[in-house]
Protein backbone atom coordinates (compact mmCIF):
# COMPACT_ATOMS: atom_id res chain seq x y z
CA UNK A 1 0.21 -0.50 -0.67
CA UNK A 2 2.67 2.72 0.64
CA UNK A 3 4.66 1.47 -2.20
CA UNK A 4 1.39 2.04 -4.42
CA UNK A 5 1.26 5.43 -2.85
CA UNK A 6 4.33 6.29 -3.81
CA UNK A 7 3.94 5.45 -7.05
CA UNK A 8 0.85 7.22 -7.68
CA UNK A 9 3.10 10.38 -6.19
CA UNK A 10 5.46 9.87 -8.79
CA UNK A 11 3.74 9.53 -12.13
CA UNK A 12 1.71 12.19 -10.48
CA UNK A 13 4.79 14.91 -10.52
CA UNK A 14 5.72 13.35 -14.13
CA UNK A 15 2.13 14.10 -15.56
CA UNK A 16 2.25 18.02 -14.02
CA UNK A 17 5.51 18.20 -16.00
CA UNK A 18 5.16 16.65 -18.97
CA UNK A 19 1.55 18.59 -18.94
CA UNK A 20 3.04 21.95 -18.67
CA UNK A 21 5.77 21.38 -21.73
CA UNK A 22 4.10 23.17 -24.70
CA UNK A 23 3.49 21.41 -27.35
CA UNK A 24 4.29 23.27 -31.13
CA UNK A 25 1.43 21.24 -32.67
CA UNK A 26 -0.64 22.91 -30.55
CA UNK A 27 -0.61 26.32 -32.01
CA UNK A 28 -3.37 26.47 -34.99
CA UNK A 29 -2.12 28.92 -37.71
CA UNK A 30 -5.23 31.28 -36.87
CA UNK A 31 -3.52 31.79 -33.83
CA UNK A 32 -1.06 35.41 -34.06
CA UNK A 33 2.78 35.66 -32.35
CA UNK A 34 2.53 38.92 -30.59
CA UNK A 35 5.15 41.19 -32.19
CA UNK A 36 7.12 43.35 -29.81
CA UNK A 37 6.91 47.23 -30.62
CA UNK A 38 9.49 48.38 -31.80
CA UNK A 39 10.86 51.98 -30.21
CA UNK A 40 10.98 55.08 -32.81
CA UNK A 41 13.80 57.75 -31.84
CA UNK A 42 12.03 60.22 -34.21
CA UNK A 43 8.22 59.61 -32.96
CA UNK A 44 6.73 62.99 -33.85
CA UNK A 45 8.40 63.76 -36.85
CA UNK A 46 6.55 65.78 -39.30
CA UNK A 47 7.16 67.68 -42.87
CA UNK A 48 4.04 69.80 -44.38
CA UNK A 49 4.54 71.99 -47.14
CA UNK A 50 1.67 74.31 -48.52
CA UNK A 51 0.87 77.03 -51.09
CA UNK A 52 -1.91 79.06 -52.70
CA UNK A 53 -3.01 81.41 -55.51
CA UNK A 54 -5.72 83.72 -56.14
CA UNK A 55 -6.69 86.04 -59.25
CA UNK A 56 -8.55 89.14 -59.96
CA UNK A 57 -8.47 92.60 -58.93
CA UNK A 58 -5.75 91.75 -57.04
CA UNK A 59 -3.37 88.33 -57.38
CA UNK A 60 -1.64 86.97 -54.83
CA UNK A 61 0.47 84.01 -54.03
CA UNK A 62 1.74 82.17 -51.41
CA UNK A 63 4.19 79.25 -49.94
CA UNK A 64 4.91 77.80 -47.11
CA UNK A 65 6.49 74.94 -45.59
CA UNK A 66 7.25 73.35 -42.22
CA UNK A 67 9.30 70.88 -40.01
CA UNK A 68 8.88 68.91 -36.98
CA UNK A 69 12.38 66.92 -36.37
CA UNK A 70 12.29 65.12 -32.73
CA UNK A 71 14.68 62.90 -32.18
CA UNK A 72 15.24 60.91 -28.72
CA UNK A 73 17.73 58.40 -28.90
CA UNK A 74 17.26 55.55 -26.16
CA UNK A 75 13.15 55.15 -24.58
CA UNK A 76 13.78 56.04 -20.58
CA UNK A 77 12.65 59.19 -19.20
CA UNK A 78 16.44 60.11 -18.22
CA UNK A 79 18.15 60.96 -20.81
CA UNK A 80 19.25 63.27 -24.03
CA UNK A 81 16.02 64.65 -26.23
CA UNK A 82 17.00 67.39 -29.46
CA UNK A 83 13.37 68.87 -31.52
CA UNK A 84 14.14 71.05 -34.43
CA UNK A 85 11.42 73.57 -36.30
CA UNK A 86 11.72 75.16 -39.28
CA UNK A 87 9.28 77.45 -40.67
CA UNK A 88 9.39 79.59 -43.98
CA UNK A 89 6.30 82.02 -45.26
CA UNK A 90 6.23 83.85 -48.97
CA UNK A 91 3.42 85.71 -49.71
CA UNK A 92 3.44 88.01 -52.70
CA UNK A 93 0.40 90.20 -53.37
CA UNK A 94 0.41 92.27 -56.90
CA UNK A 95 -2.10 94.94 -56.45
CA UNK A 96 -0.78 96.86 -53.10
CA UNK A 97 3.65 94.94 -53.48
CA UNK A 98 3.87 93.31 -50.32
CA UNK A 99 5.90 90.65 -50.40
CA UNK A 100 6.51 89.38 -47.10
CA UNK A 101 8.80 86.66 -46.64
CA UNK A 102 9.81 84.87 -43.24
CA UNK A 103 12.08 82.40 -42.27
CA UNK A 104 12.16 80.83 -38.51
CA UNK A 105 14.62 77.84 -37.18
CA UNK A 106 14.63 76.55 -33.79
CA UNK A 107 17.21 73.76 -31.88
CA UNK A 108 16.15 72.70 -28.93
CA UNK A 109 18.34 70.31 -26.62
CA UNK A 110 16.99 69.28 -23.23
CA UNK A 111 19.11 66.41 -20.52
CA UNK A 112 16.80 64.86 -18.42
CA UNK A 113 18.87 63.91 -15.07
CA UNK A 114 15.49 61.82 -13.74
CA UNK A 115 11.63 61.86 -14.32
CA UNK A 116 10.38 65.32 -13.51
CA UNK A 117 13.97 67.70 -13.66
CA UNK A 118 16.53 68.97 -16.86
CA UNK A 119 18.96 71.41 -18.05
CA UNK A 120 17.83 72.51 -21.48
CA UNK A 121 19.60 74.84 -23.98
CA UNK A 122 18.16 76.32 -26.84
CA UNK A 123 18.57 78.47 -29.81
CA UNK A 124 16.72 80.20 -32.64
CA UNK A 125 17.08 82.36 -35.57
CA UNK A 126 14.49 84.66 -37.31
CA UNK A 127 14.86 86.57 -41.05
CA UNK A 128 11.46 88.78 -40.84
CA UNK A 129 12.04 92.27 -41.82
CA UNK A 130 8.16 93.21 -42.76
CA UNK A 131 8.59 92.89 -38.79
CA UNK A 132 10.77 95.24 -38.92
CA UNK A 133 14.07 93.36 -38.34
CA UNK A 134 16.58 91.79 -40.43
CA UNK A 135 17.19 89.54 -38.14
CA UNK A 136 17.01 88.10 -34.22
CA UNK A 137 19.31 85.35 -32.40
CA UNK A 138 17.77 84.31 -29.44
CA UNK A 139 20.30 81.67 -27.12
CA UNK A 140 19.09 80.55 -23.43
CA UNK A 141 19.81 77.88 -21.24
CA UNK A 142 18.04 76.88 -18.11
CA UNK A 143 16.07 74.07 -15.84
CA UNK A 144 13.58 72.52 -17.36
CA UNK A 145 10.56 70.43 -15.66
CA UNK A 146 8.52 67.69 -16.52
CA UNK A 147 4.71 68.94 -15.18
CA UNK A 148 2.78 66.05 -17.02
CA UNK A 149 3.67 63.17 -19.34
CA UNK A 150 1.25 60.16 -20.69
CA UNK A 151 2.63 57.73 -23.54
CA UNK A 152 1.53 60.65 -26.39
CA UNK A 153 1.42 63.69 -24.58
CA UNK A 154 3.86 65.87 -22.48
CA UNK A 155 3.87 69.05 -20.80
CA UNK A 156 7.53 70.96 -19.77
CA UNK A 157 8.28 74.54 -18.36
CA UNK A 158 11.63 76.21 -19.18
CA UNK A 159 13.31 78.49 -17.59
CA UNK A 160 16.34 80.91 -17.96
CA UNK A 161 18.68 83.20 -18.34
CA UNK A 162 19.98 83.90 -22.36
CA UNK A 163 21.09 86.52 -25.29
CA UNK A 164 19.14 88.20 -28.13
CA UNK A 165 21.30 89.81 -31.16
CA UNK A 166 18.98 91.61 -33.78
CA UNK A 167 19.33 94.23 -36.28
CA UNK A 168 17.09 96.15 -36.71
CA UNK A 169 15.40 98.05 -39.71
CA UNK A 170 15.55 101.41 -38.77
CA UNK A 171 15.59 105.05 -41.45
CA UNK A 172 19.33 105.19 -41.68
CA UNK A 173 20.24 101.91 -42.54
CA UNK A 174 20.21 98.81 -40.10
CA UNK A 175 21.42 99.42 -36.45
CA UNK A 176 22.45 96.01 -34.67
CA UNK A 177 21.46 95.25 -30.86
CA UNK A 178 22.45 92.38 -28.00
CA UNK A 179 20.55 92.56 -25.02
CA UNK A 180 20.28 89.44 -22.22
CA UNK A 181 16.86 87.88 -22.08
CA UNK A 182 14.42 85.38 -19.81
CA UNK A 183 12.75 82.83 -21.45
CA UNK A 184 9.71 80.84 -19.76
CA UNK A 185 8.33 79.14 -21.62
CA UNK A 186 5.93 76.03 -21.81
CA UNK A 187 5.32 73.70 -24.40
CA UNK A 188 3.05 70.91 -24.83
CA UNK A 189 2.50 68.13 -27.51
C-alpha cells in the first residue's frame, strides 16, 4: 500500500511536468504570435508643405513649409532629447506690392536627470524684415521641469537666462543690438 501511494505520487508529478511543456503542434495557424513594438527615436517628426494663389483685381500667391524633427536616442525618461523646428512663409500680392518672406529656425536640446528635472539649451533664428528686423537670434540655457507626461502627450516648463542679438530696420540703415533676455516657456506636445 505504501509503495502504491509513492508510485501514484511520482506518476502525478511526472504528469504535471509533461503537461506544462508547450507542444509546438498545439499552436493553430489562426493564432498570431504577439509582435514586439519597435522603438522609434524619431517619433513625432513632421513635414508639411502648402501653397496657393488668387486672381482677380489683386492677384496673390503664397507658399509655406514646416518641419519638425524630434529625436530621442533612448526610450527612457532620463537622458537626451532633441527637437528642431523650421518654418518658411512667402506671400506676394500684386495689387499693393506686398511681399513677405519669413524664415524661423529653432533648435532645442535637453537632458533629463530624472523623471521630472532637467537642463535645456535653445537657440532660435528669425529673419522677417516686414516685422522690422533683418534678423533676430535668441540663445537660452536653464532648468526644465516635466509637469505632465503620458504615452502621447507631455507638458514641459523651461526657465532660464539668455541673450538676444538683432539687427533692426531703421531709416538711416540697419542697427545692431545685443540684449540680455529671459525665457519662460511652456511646451505642450
